[in-house]
Amino acid sequence: QAGHVVALAVDADARVLATHARNHRRATHLQLRLGPHAGSAARLRAAIAAAVPRGAAYHLHASPPCQATSQANRRLSADAKRRGASLTEWTCELVEALAPTTWSLEQVATPLARAVLERQRALDPARVAYAVINCASFGVPQDRRRLIAGSPSLIAAFLARRSAPARSVRAALGATPTDHVMNRTTNTPDRRNGGHRPLRPEEHMRPVDRAAYTVLASKPMRWVDAEGVPLRSLTPEEEAALQTFPPGYDLGAWPRTVQQRGVGNAVPVEVARRLMLGAAASARRGRKGRGR
C-alpha cells in the first residue's frame, strides 16, 4: 500500500506466519524465535542477505512480544517483565549491528519500554527516536496506545501524517448489528494507588459512532445493547476491519483463537502504511544528503 516490496517476514508462530504467506506470496517466510539466545541474529542476517538484493535500500521493522511488558498482565513477576523489556533492548542492538537503511519498532507504551528507548536514544540520538501515539490519530478506528521508535527522520515524517477526527466503528464496518461495542478487559491499572481496579461498565462500552477500544489478541470485543447486554462477539473479520486490514485479507482456515491472536497482535495496517510512507521520505532525504 505504501509502494514497498515485502521481502522477508519472520515469526515464531508457524500458523500466523502461514497466514502472512497466503497474503504475501512473493515474500520469503522464516519461522524463527528471535532474541539474545545464540544463533538467531546470525540466521536473521543470512535471511536478509538472501531476500534483499545486494546494495538495495531496505527497512527493518520489529514488534517484540508485548505480553511480558503490558501493565494489563497481572500474572507476571517483575523479573519476567524485565526479561520482556530486554527483547526491546536486544532489538535496538540488532538494528545497530544490521544497519538497515531505516528501521522501526512497535511496543506497548509502558514505563519499562519507554525507559529502554530513552537509554538507547541517549546513547545514539542520530539513530534512535521514539514517540507514544494513539493509533486513533492515524486513521485507525480504535483507541490503541503504542510506542513507535525508529530512525529519527522516519519518526518525524510519520508523526507529520497524523489525521483528525478519529474514524468510528460504523465508518469502518458499515452496518452494525447493535449500536455499542464492549471490550472484555475487566481491570485497569490504578495509577494513584498502585495495583489494578475493576472497570466500571461505562469504561469498557462505546457507541459505534466513536472509535472502539483496543482490539486484543486473546479476547474479542462484544456487540452489546445500550444496557450492556451482549448479542455476540465480534468475528475475527470484524476485528481485522478495526485493525484496518484490507477487505478480503485471508485469515486462513485456523481456529478462531489463532485468527484472533494474529489480528490482535498485528500493527494496524493504516499505521504501518503511514510509517512506511515515512520510511520512503526518510530514504529519499538520505540519498539527497549523500549526493550533496
C-alpha atoms as a PDB file:
ATOM      1  CA  GLN A   1       0.000   0.000   0.000  1.00  0.00           C
ATOM      2  CA  ALA A   2       2.953   2.354   0.551  1.00  0.00           C
ATOM      3  CA  GLY A   3       4.838   1.280  -2.577  1.00  0.00           C
ATOM      4  CA  HIS A   4       7.385  -1.066  -0.990  1.00  0.00           C
ATOM      5  CA  VAL A   5       8.190  -4.737  -1.635  1.00  0.00           C
ATOM      6  CA  VAL A   6       7.633  -7.085   1.305  1.00  0.00           C
ATOM      7  CA  ALA A   7      10.847  -9.131   1.099  1.00  0.00           C
ATOM      8  CA  LEU A   8      11.013 -11.106   4.349  1.00  0.00           C
ATOM      9  CA  ALA A   9       8.669 -11.963   7.215  1.00  0.00           C
ATOM     10  CA  VAL A  10       9.837 -13.657  10.432  1.00  0.00           C
ATOM     11  CA  ASP A  11       7.683 -15.015  13.253  1.00  0.00           C
ATOM     12  CA  ALA A  12       7.886 -17.707  15.913  1.00  0.00           C
ATOM     13  CA  ASP A  13       4.256 -18.794  15.323  1.00  0.00           C
ATOM     14  CA  ALA A  14       4.006 -21.103  12.303  1.00  0.00           C
ATOM     15  CA  ARG A  15       0.254 -20.572  11.847  1.00  0.00           C
ATOM     16  CA  VAL A  16       0.401 -16.778  11.915  1.00  0.00           C
ATOM     17  CA  LEU A  17       3.376 -16.904   9.547  1.00  0.00           C
ATOM     18  CA  ALA A  18       1.382 -19.151   7.183  1.00  0.00           C
ATOM     19  CA  THR A  19      -1.453 -16.603   7.188  1.00  0.00           C
ATOM     20  CA  HIS A  20       1.001 -13.890   6.175  1.00  0.00           C
ATOM     21  CA  ALA A  21       2.346 -16.167   3.432  1.00  0.00           C
ATOM     22  CA  ARG A  22      -1.181 -16.658   1.998  1.00  0.00           C
ATOM     23  CA  ASN A  23      -1.421 -12.892   1.503  1.00  0.00           C
ATOM     24  CA  HIS A  24       2.211 -12.106   0.570  1.00  0.00           C
ATOM     25  CA  ARG A  25       3.164 -14.993  -1.682  1.00  0.00           C
ATOM     26  CA  ARG A  26       6.325 -13.430  -3.111  1.00  0.00           C
ATOM     27  CA  ALA A  27       7.935 -12.761   0.268  1.00  0.00           C
ATOM     28  CA  THR A  28      10.352 -15.122   1.993  1.00  0.00           C
ATOM     29  CA  HIS A  29       8.940 -16.531   5.252  1.00  0.00           C
ATOM     30  CA  LEU A  30      11.099 -17.766   8.104  1.00  0.00           C
ATOM     31  CA  GLN A  31       9.887 -19.366  11.334  1.00  0.00           C
ATOM     32  CA  LEU A  32      12.375 -18.260  13.964  1.00  0.00           C
ATOM     33  CA  ARG A  33      12.288 -17.315  17.637  1.00  0.00           C
ATOM     34  CA  LEU A  34      14.361 -14.151  17.887  1.00  0.00           C
ATOM     35  CA  GLY A  35      16.200 -12.936  20.962  1.00  0.00           C
ATOM     36  CA  PRO A  36      19.546 -12.888  22.727  1.00  0.00           C
ATOM     37  CA  HIS A  37      19.945 -16.672  22.610  1.00  0.00           C
ATOM     38  CA  ALA A  38      22.720 -17.975  20.362  1.00  0.00           C
ATOM     39  CA  GLY A  39      22.254 -18.071  16.633  1.00  0.00           C
ATOM     40  CA  SER A  40      19.043 -16.136  15.947  1.00  0.00           C
ATOM     41  CA  ALA A  41      20.756 -12.876  14.920  1.00  0.00           C
ATOM     42  CA  ALA A  42      23.074 -14.731  12.558  1.00  0.00           C
ATOM     43  CA  ARG A  43      20.165 -16.624  10.972  1.00  0.00           C
ATOM     44  CA  LEU A  44      18.240 -13.374  10.536  1.00  0.00           C
ATOM     45  CA  ARG A  45      21.263 -11.664   8.955  1.00  0.00           C
ATOM     46  CA  ALA A  46      21.599 -14.560   6.482  1.00  0.00           C
ATOM     47  CA  ALA A  47      17.859 -14.449   5.658  1.00  0.00           C
ATOM     48  CA  ILE A  48      18.019 -10.701   4.969  1.00  0.00           C
ATOM     49  CA  ALA A  49      21.078 -11.174   2.755  1.00  0.00           C
ATOM     50  CA  ALA A  50      19.212 -13.844   0.773  1.00  0.00           C
ATOM     51  CA  ALA A  51      15.932 -11.885   0.467  1.00  0.00           C
ATOM     52  CA  VAL A  52      17.246  -8.354  -0.180  1.00  0.00           C
ATOM     53  CA  PRO A  53      19.328  -7.645  -3.322  1.00  0.00           C
ATOM     54  CA  ARG A  54      22.889  -6.625  -2.529  1.00  0.00           C
ATOM     55  CA  GLY A  55      23.173  -2.864  -2.120  1.00  0.00           C
ATOM     56  CA  ALA A  56      19.405  -2.301  -2.055  1.00  0.00           C
ATOM     57  CA  ALA A  57      17.836   0.061   0.456  1.00  0.00           C
ATOM     58  CA  TYR A  58      15.681  -1.777   2.971  1.00  0.00           C
ATOM     59  CA  HIS A  59      13.541  -1.083   6.019  1.00  0.00           C
ATOM     60  CA  LEU A  60      13.569  -3.333   9.091  1.00  0.00           C
ATOM     61  CA  HIS A  61      10.502  -3.407  11.359  1.00  0.00           C
ATOM     62  CA  ALA A  62      10.294  -5.283  14.669  1.00  0.00           C
ATOM     63  CA  SER A  63       7.439  -5.861  17.118  1.00  0.00           C
ATOM     64  CA  PRO A  64       8.895  -7.571  20.208  1.00  0.00           C
ATOM     65  CA  PRO A  65       6.250  -9.529  22.157  1.00  0.00           C
ATOM     66  CA  CYS A  66       4.304  -7.140  24.363  1.00  0.00           C
ATOM     67  CA  GLN A  67       2.661  -9.585  26.794  1.00  0.00           C
ATOM     68  CA  ALA A  68       5.670  -9.584  29.145  1.00  0.00           C
ATOM     69  CA  THR A  69       5.713  -5.785  29.411  1.00  0.00           C
ATOM     70  CA  SER A  70       1.990  -4.974  29.398  1.00  0.00           C
ATOM     71  CA  GLN A  71       0.606  -3.335  32.530  1.00  0.00           C
ATOM     72  CA  ALA A  72      -2.659  -5.219  31.955  1.00  0.00           C
ATOM     73  CA  ASN A  73      -0.928  -8.540  32.590  1.00  0.00           C
ATOM     74  CA  ARG A  74      -1.096  -9.010  36.371  1.00  0.00           C
ATOM     75  CA  ARG A  75       0.328 -12.543  36.412  1.00  0.00           C
ATOM     76  CA  LEU A  76       3.916 -11.672  35.537  1.00  0.00           C
ATOM     77  CA  SER A  77       6.674 -11.108  38.062  1.00  0.00           C
ATOM     78  CA  ALA A  78       8.964  -8.092  37.939  1.00  0.00           C
ATOM     79  CA  ASP A  79      11.740 -10.363  36.633  1.00  0.00           C
ATOM     80  CA  ALA A  80       9.520 -11.591  33.785  1.00  0.00           C
ATOM     81  CA  LYS A  81       8.699  -8.019  32.810  1.00  0.00           C
ATOM     82  CA  ARG A  82      12.380  -7.113  32.822  1.00  0.00           C
ATOM     83  CA  ARG A  83      13.092 -10.082  30.546  1.00  0.00           C
ATOM     84  CA  GLY A  84      10.338  -8.813  28.231  1.00  0.00           C
ATOM     85  CA  ALA A  85      11.910  -5.364  28.159  1.00  0.00           C
ATOM     86  CA  SER A  86      15.258  -6.967  27.338  1.00  0.00           C
ATOM     87  CA  LEU A  87      13.812  -8.062  23.965  1.00  0.00           C
ATOM     88  CA  THR A  88      13.223  -4.410  23.106  1.00  0.00           C
ATOM     89  CA  GLU A  89      16.816  -3.644  24.077  1.00  0.00           C
ATOM     90  CA  TRP A  90      18.054  -6.612  22.031  1.00  0.00           C
ATOM     91  CA  THR A  91      16.111  -5.333  19.016  1.00  0.00           C
ATOM     92  CA  CYS A  92      17.859  -1.953  19.241  1.00  0.00           C
ATOM     93  CA  GLU A  93      21.227  -3.705  19.422  1.00  0.00           C
ATOM     94  CA  LEU A  94      20.258  -5.813  16.399  1.00  0.00           C
ATOM     95  CA  VAL A  95      19.405  -2.681  14.408  1.00  0.00           C
ATOM     96  CA  GLU A  96      22.816  -1.233  15.226  1.00  0.00           C
ATOM     97  CA  ALA A  97      24.507  -4.428  14.046  1.00  0.00           C
ATOM     98  CA  LEU A  98      22.489  -4.798  10.819  1.00  0.00           C
ATOM     99  CA  ALA A  99      22.457  -1.081   9.899  1.00  0.00           C
ATOM    100  CA  PRO A 100      19.306  -1.112   7.704  1.00  0.00           C
ATOM    101  CA  THR A 101      18.502   1.985   5.642  1.00  0.00           C
ATOM    102  CA  THR A 102      15.641   2.786   8.032  1.00  0.00           C
ATOM    103  CA  TRP A 103      14.065   0.889  10.902  1.00  0.00           C
ATOM    104  CA  SER A 104      11.056   0.940  13.204  1.00  0.00           C
ATOM    105  CA  LEU A 105       9.835  -0.763  16.347  1.00  0.00           C
ATOM    106  CA  GLU A 106       6.347  -1.077  17.842  1.00  0.00           C
ATOM    107  CA  GLN A 107       5.712  -1.879  21.502  1.00  0.00           C
ATOM    108  CA  VAL A 108       3.188  -1.230  24.252  1.00  0.00           C
ATOM    109  CA  ALA A 109       3.805   2.159  25.852  1.00  0.00           C
ATOM    110  CA  THR A 110       4.795   1.050  29.352  1.00  0.00           C
ATOM    111  CA  PRO A 111       7.293   2.853  31.606  1.00  0.00           C
ATOM    112  CA  LEU A 112       9.655  -0.116  31.220  1.00  0.00           C
ATOM    113  CA  ALA A 113       9.612   0.041  27.412  1.00  0.00           C
ATOM    114  CA  ARG A 114       9.993   3.835  27.420  1.00  0.00           C
ATOM    115  CA  ALA A 115      12.984   3.565  29.747  1.00  0.00           C
ATOM    116  CA  VAL A 116      14.713   1.193  27.320  1.00  0.00           C
ATOM    117  CA  LEU A 117      14.123   3.535  24.383  1.00  0.00           C
ATOM    118  CA  GLU A 118      15.187   6.569  26.385  1.00  0.00           C
ATOM    119  CA  ARG A 119      18.512   4.880  27.184  1.00  0.00           C
ATOM    120  CA  GLN A 120      19.009   3.963  23.533  1.00  0.00           C
ATOM    121  CA  ARG A 121      18.192   7.490  22.392  1.00  0.00           C
ATOM    122  CA  ALA A 122      20.666   8.958  24.884  1.00  0.00           C
ATOM    123  CA  LEU A 123      23.375   6.604  23.579  1.00  0.00           C
ATOM    124  CA  ASP A 124      22.743   7.376  19.893  1.00  0.00           C
ATOM    125  CA  PRO A 125      20.310  10.259  19.178  1.00  0.00           C
ATOM    126  CA  ALA A 126      21.233  10.205  15.480  1.00  0.00           C
ATOM    127  CA  ARG A 127      19.909   6.644  15.170  1.00  0.00           C
ATOM    128  CA  VAL A 128      17.052   6.396  17.685  1.00  0.00           C
ATOM    129  CA  ALA A 129      13.880   8.435  18.169  1.00  0.00           C
ATOM    130  CA  TYR A 130      10.527   7.417  19.599  1.00  0.00           C
ATOM    131  CA  ALA A 131       7.030   8.682  20.278  1.00  0.00           C
ATOM    132  CA  VAL A 132       3.977   7.423  22.155  1.00  0.00           C
ATOM    133  CA  ILE A 133       0.950   7.570  19.876  1.00  0.00           C
ATOM    134  CA  ASN A 134      -2.744   6.761  19.873  1.00  0.00           C
ATOM    135  CA  CYS A 135      -3.451   4.840  16.664  1.00  0.00           C
ATOM    136  CA  ALA A 136      -6.824   6.648  16.500  1.00  0.00           C
ATOM    137  CA  SER A 137      -4.844   9.709  15.389  1.00  0.00           C
ATOM    138  CA  PHE A 138      -3.534   7.760  12.384  1.00  0.00           C
ATOM    139  CA  GLY A 139      -6.765   6.577  10.761  1.00  0.00           C
ATOM    140  CA  VAL A 140      -7.439   3.535  12.979  1.00  0.00           C
ATOM    141  CA  PRO A 141     -10.990   3.205  14.457  1.00  0.00           C
ATOM    142  CA  GLN A 142      -9.811   2.234  17.937  1.00  0.00           C
ATOM    143  CA  ASP A 143      -8.048   3.788  20.894  1.00  0.00           C
ATOM    144  CA  ARG A 144      -4.752   1.919  20.773  1.00  0.00           C
ATOM    145  CA  ARG A 145      -1.822   3.499  22.586  1.00  0.00           C
ATOM    146  CA  ARG A 146       1.577   2.321  21.372  1.00  0.00           C
ATOM    147  CA  LEU A 147       5.234   3.271  21.430  1.00  0.00           C
ATOM    148  CA  ILE A 148       6.771   3.713  17.972  1.00  0.00           C
ATOM    149  CA  ALA A 149      10.552   4.003  17.682  1.00  0.00           C
ATOM    150  CA  GLY A 150      12.884   4.200  14.715  1.00  0.00           C
ATOM    151  CA  SER A 151      15.133   6.313  12.567  1.00  0.00           C
ATOM    152  CA  PRO A 152      14.711   9.963  13.648  1.00  0.00           C
ATOM    153  CA  SER A 153      13.811  11.255  10.170  1.00  0.00           C
ATOM    154  CA  LEU A 154      11.285   8.426   9.749  1.00  0.00           C
ATOM    155  CA  ILE A 155       9.615   9.152  13.092  1.00  0.00           C
ATOM    156  CA  ALA A 156       9.367  12.843  12.194  1.00  0.00           C
ATOM    157  CA  ALA A 157       7.810  12.016   8.805  1.00  0.00           C
ATOM    158  CA  PHE A 158       5.408   9.540  10.421  1.00  0.00           C
ATOM    159  CA  LEU A 159       4.221  11.983  13.096  1.00  0.00           C
ATOM    160  CA  ALA A 160       3.505  14.530  10.357  1.00  0.00           C
ATOM    161  CA  ARG A 161       0.906  12.071   8.992  1.00  0.00           C
ATOM    162  CA  ARG A 162      -1.495  12.390  11.931  1.00  0.00           C
ATOM    163  CA  SER A 163      -5.110  12.949  10.927  1.00  0.00           C
ATOM    164  CA  ALA A 164      -8.326  14.031  12.612  1.00  0.00           C
ATOM    165  CA  PRO A 165     -11.022  13.301  13.561  1.00  0.00           C
ATOM    166  CA  ALA A 166     -10.765   9.641  14.603  1.00  0.00           C
ATOM    167  CA  ARG A 167     -12.643   7.100  12.463  1.00  0.00           C
ATOM    168  CA  SER A 168     -15.626   5.406  14.071  1.00  0.00           C
ATOM    169  CA  VAL A 169     -16.587   1.743  14.294  1.00  0.00           C
ATOM    170  CA  ARG A 170     -19.536   2.446  11.988  1.00  0.00           C
ATOM    171  CA  ALA A 171     -17.264   4.094   9.403  1.00  0.00           C
ATOM    172  CA  ALA A 172     -15.002   1.042   9.403  1.00  0.00           C
ATOM    173  CA  LEU A 173     -17.693  -1.652   9.332  1.00  0.00           C
ATOM    174  CA  GLY A 174     -20.743  -0.046   7.735  1.00  0.00           C
ATOM    175  CA  ALA A 175     -23.922  -1.678   9.046  1.00  0.00           C
ATOM    176  CA  THR A 176     -23.558  -2.954  12.614  1.00  0.00           C
ATOM    177  CA  PRO A 177     -25.803  -5.440  14.478  1.00  0.00           C
ATOM    178  CA  THR A 178     -26.096  -3.138  17.524  1.00  0.00           C
ATOM    179  CA  ASP A 179     -25.144   0.420  18.414  1.00  0.00           C
ATOM    180  CA  HIS A 180     -22.477  -0.381  21.025  1.00  0.00           C
ATOM    181  CA  VAL A 181     -19.309  -2.443  21.406  1.00  0.00           C
ATOM    182  CA  MET A 182     -17.791  -3.606  24.699  1.00  0.00           C
ATOM    183  CA  ASN A 183     -14.305  -4.909  25.295  1.00  0.00           C
ATOM    184  CA  ARG A 184     -13.561  -7.899  27.533  1.00  0.00           C
ATOM    185  CA  THR A 185     -10.916  -6.262  29.712  1.00  0.00           C
ATOM    186  CA  THR A 186     -12.096  -6.396  33.321  1.00  0.00           C
ATOM    187  CA  ASN A 187      -9.429  -4.332  35.095  1.00  0.00           C
ATOM    188  CA  THR A 188      -7.203  -1.320  34.605  1.00  0.00           C
ATOM    189  CA  PRO A 189      -4.005  -0.103  36.284  1.00  0.00           C
ATOM    190  CA  ASP A 190      -4.758   2.087  39.316  1.00  0.00           C
ATOM    191  CA  ARG A 191      -2.028   4.681  38.911  1.00  0.00           C
ATOM    192  CA  ARG A 192      -2.898   6.595  42.086  1.00  0.00           C
ATOM    193  CA  ASN A 193      -2.897   3.648  44.462  1.00  0.00           C
ATOM    194  CA  GLY A 194      -0.861   1.056  42.606  1.00  0.00           C
ATOM    195  CA  GLY A 195      -2.118  -2.355  41.506  1.00  0.00           C
ATOM    196  CA  HIS A 196      -5.354  -2.664  39.480  1.00  0.00           C
ATOM    197  CA  ARG A 197      -9.036  -1.862  39.927  1.00  0.00           C
ATOM    198  CA  PRO A 198     -12.184  -3.313  38.284  1.00  0.00           C
ATOM    199  CA  LEU A 199     -13.587  -1.432  35.303  1.00  0.00           C
ATOM    200  CA  ARG A 200     -16.984   0.232  35.613  1.00  0.00           C
ATOM    201  CA  PRO A 201     -19.471  -0.763  32.856  1.00  0.00           C
ATOM    202  CA  GLU A 202     -19.275   2.625  31.112  1.00  0.00           C
ATOM    203  CA  GLU A 203     -15.482   2.321  30.974  1.00  0.00           C
ATOM    204  CA  HIS A 204     -15.481  -0.553  28.511  1.00  0.00           C
ATOM    205  CA  MET A 205     -18.560   0.159  26.357  1.00  0.00           C
ATOM    206  CA  ARG A 206     -18.594   2.534  23.378  1.00  0.00           C
ATOM    207  CA  PRO A 207     -21.225   3.674  20.841  1.00  0.00           C
ATOM    208  CA  VAL A 208     -20.395   2.701  17.259  1.00  0.00           C
ATOM    209  CA  ASP A 209     -20.189   6.374  16.265  1.00  0.00           C
ATOM    210  CA  ARG A 210     -16.900   6.529  18.198  1.00  0.00           C
ATOM    211  CA  ALA A 211     -13.634   4.649  17.894  1.00  0.00           C
ATOM    212  CA  ALA A 212     -13.579   1.266  19.650  1.00  0.00           C
ATOM    213  CA  TYR A 213     -11.359   0.234  22.499  1.00  0.00           C
ATOM    214  CA  THR A 214      -8.176  -1.717  21.711  1.00  0.00           C
ATOM    215  CA  VAL A 215      -8.500  -4.915  19.673  1.00  0.00           C
ATOM    216  CA  LEU A 216      -6.797  -7.609  21.770  1.00  0.00           C
ATOM    217  CA  ALA A 217      -5.037 -10.837  20.852  1.00  0.00           C
ATOM    218  CA  SER A 218      -6.991 -13.042  23.248  1.00  0.00           C
ATOM    219  CA  LYS A 219     -10.460 -11.663  23.939  1.00  0.00           C
ATOM    220  CA  PRO A 220     -12.728 -10.452  21.124  1.00  0.00           C
ATOM    221  CA  MET A 221     -14.970  -7.469  21.762  1.00  0.00           C
ATOM    222  CA  ARG A 222     -18.734  -7.966  22.021  1.00  0.00           C
ATOM    223  CA  TRP A 223     -21.680  -6.353  20.335  1.00  0.00           C
ATOM    224  CA  VAL A 224     -23.937  -5.138  23.184  1.00  0.00           C
ATOM    225  CA  ASP A 225     -27.108  -3.120  23.523  1.00  0.00           C
ATOM    226  CA  ALA A 226     -27.354   0.240  25.302  1.00  0.00           C
ATOM    227  CA  GLU A 227     -27.622  -1.553  28.668  1.00  0.00           C
ATOM    228  CA  GLY A 228     -24.512  -3.632  28.064  1.00  0.00           C
ATOM    229  CA  VAL A 229     -26.380  -6.886  27.333  1.00  0.00           C
ATOM    230  CA  PRO A 230     -24.252  -8.909  24.865  1.00  0.00           C
ATOM    231  CA  LEU A 231     -25.520 -10.074  21.481  1.00  0.00           C
ATOM    232  CA  ARG A 232     -22.370 -11.874  20.271  1.00  0.00           C
ATOM    233  CA  SER A 233     -18.617 -11.492  19.962  1.00  0.00           C
ATOM    234  CA  LEU A 234     -17.108  -9.633  17.032  1.00  0.00           C
ATOM    235  CA  THR A 235     -15.788 -12.006  14.386  1.00  0.00           C
ATOM    236  CA  PRO A 236     -12.069 -12.058  13.505  1.00  0.00           C
ATOM    237  CA  GLU A 237     -13.009 -10.419  10.192  1.00  0.00           C
ATOM    238  CA  GLU A 238     -14.799  -7.562  12.000  1.00  0.00           C
ATOM    239  CA  GLU A 239     -11.840  -7.050  14.296  1.00  0.00           C
ATOM    240  CA  ALA A 240      -9.497  -7.186  11.286  1.00  0.00           C
ATOM    241  CA  ALA A 241     -11.511  -4.294   9.820  1.00  0.00           C
ATOM    242  CA  LEU A 242     -10.991  -2.355  13.075  1.00  0.00           C
ATOM    243  CA  GLN A 243      -7.275  -3.089  12.626  1.00  0.00           C
ATOM    244  CA  THR A 244      -7.648  -1.591   9.099  1.00  0.00           C
ATOM    245  CA  PHE A 245      -6.769  -4.798   7.265  1.00  0.00           C
ATOM    246  CA  PRO A 246      -7.910  -4.514   3.630  1.00  0.00           C
ATOM    247  CA  PRO A 247     -11.197  -6.185   2.658  1.00  0.00           C
ATOM    248  CA  GLY A 248     -10.687  -9.779   1.633  1.00  0.00           C
ATOM    249  CA  TYR A 249      -7.485 -10.313   3.622  1.00  0.00           C
ATOM    250  CA  ASP A 250      -7.277 -14.111   4.005  1.00  0.00           C
ATOM    251  CA  LEU A 251      -7.115 -15.066   7.705  1.00  0.00           C
ATOM    252  CA  GLY A 252      -6.740 -18.752   6.860  1.00  0.00           C
ATOM    253  CA  ALA A 253      -8.788 -21.736   7.991  1.00  0.00           C
ATOM    254  CA  TRP A 254      -7.364 -21.675  11.509  1.00  0.00           C
ATOM    255  CA  PRO A 255      -9.380 -21.882  14.736  1.00  0.00           C
ATOM    256  CA  ARG A 256     -10.898 -18.588  15.791  1.00  0.00           C
ATOM    257  CA  THR A 257      -8.388 -18.214  18.631  1.00  0.00           C
ATOM    258  CA  VAL A 258      -5.481 -18.332  16.163  1.00  0.00           C
ATOM    259  CA  GLN A 259      -7.122 -15.784  13.858  1.00  0.00           C
ATOM    260  CA  GLN A 260      -7.824 -13.539  16.859  1.00  0.00           C
ATOM    261  CA  ARG A 261      -4.214 -13.729  18.026  1.00  0.00           C
ATOM    262  CA  GLY A 262      -2.866 -12.825  14.600  1.00  0.00           C
ATOM    263  CA  VAL A 263      -5.242  -9.900  14.174  1.00  0.00           C
ATOM    264  CA  GLY A 264      -4.865  -8.574  17.712  1.00  0.00           C
ATOM    265  CA  ASN A 265      -1.068  -8.755  17.730  1.00  0.00           C
ATOM    266  CA  ALA A 266      -0.712  -7.004  14.377  1.00  0.00           C
ATOM    267  CA  VAL A 267       0.402  -3.429  13.861  1.00  0.00           C
ATOM    268  CA  PRO A 268      -2.745  -1.737  12.477  1.00  0.00           C
ATOM    269  CA  VAL A 269      -2.311  -1.705   8.721  1.00  0.00           C
ATOM    270  CA  GLU A 270      -3.013   2.022   8.359  1.00  0.00           C
ATOM    271  CA  VAL A 271      -0.347   2.813  10.972  1.00  0.00           C
ATOM    272  CA  ALA A 272       2.098   0.583   9.082  1.00  0.00           C
ATOM    273  CA  ARG A 273       1.202   2.251   5.779  1.00  0.00           C
ATOM    274  CA  ARG A 274       1.864   5.743   7.128  1.00  0.00           C
ATOM    275  CA  LEU A 275       5.025   4.524   8.814  1.00  0.00           C
ATOM    276  CA  MET A 276       6.311   3.130   5.520  1.00  0.00           C
ATOM    277  CA  LEU A 277       5.423   6.335   3.682  1.00  0.00           C
ATOM    278  CA  GLY A 278       7.663   7.978   6.272  1.00  0.00           C
ATOM    279  CA  ALA A 279      10.383   5.410   5.545  1.00  0.00           C
ATOM    280  CA  ALA A 280      10.264   6.297   1.858  1.00  0.00           C
ATOM    281  CA  ALA A 281      10.511  10.016   2.617  1.00  0.00           C
ATOM    282  CA  SER A 282      13.392   9.374   5.026  1.00  0.00           C
ATOM    283  CA  ALA A 283      15.306   7.289   2.453  1.00  0.00           C
ATOM    284  CA  ARG A 284      14.862   9.990  -0.207  1.00  0.00           C
ATOM    285  CA  ARG A 285      16.275  12.632   2.142  1.00  0.00           C
ATOM    286  CA  GLY A 286      19.200  10.340   2.910  1.00  0.00           C
ATOM    287  CA  ARG A 287      20.014   9.871  -0.788  1.00  0.00           C
ATOM    288  CA  LYS A 288      19.879  13.625  -1.404  1.00  0.00           C
ATOM    289  CA  GLY A 289      22.159  14.207   1.583  1.00  0.00           C
ATOM    290  CA  ARG A 290      24.728  11.727   0.281  1.00  0.00           C
ATOM    291  CA  GLY A 291      24.509  13.349  -3.149  1.00  0.00           C
ATOM    292  CA  ARG A 292      25.445  16.721  -1.710  1.00  0.00           C
END
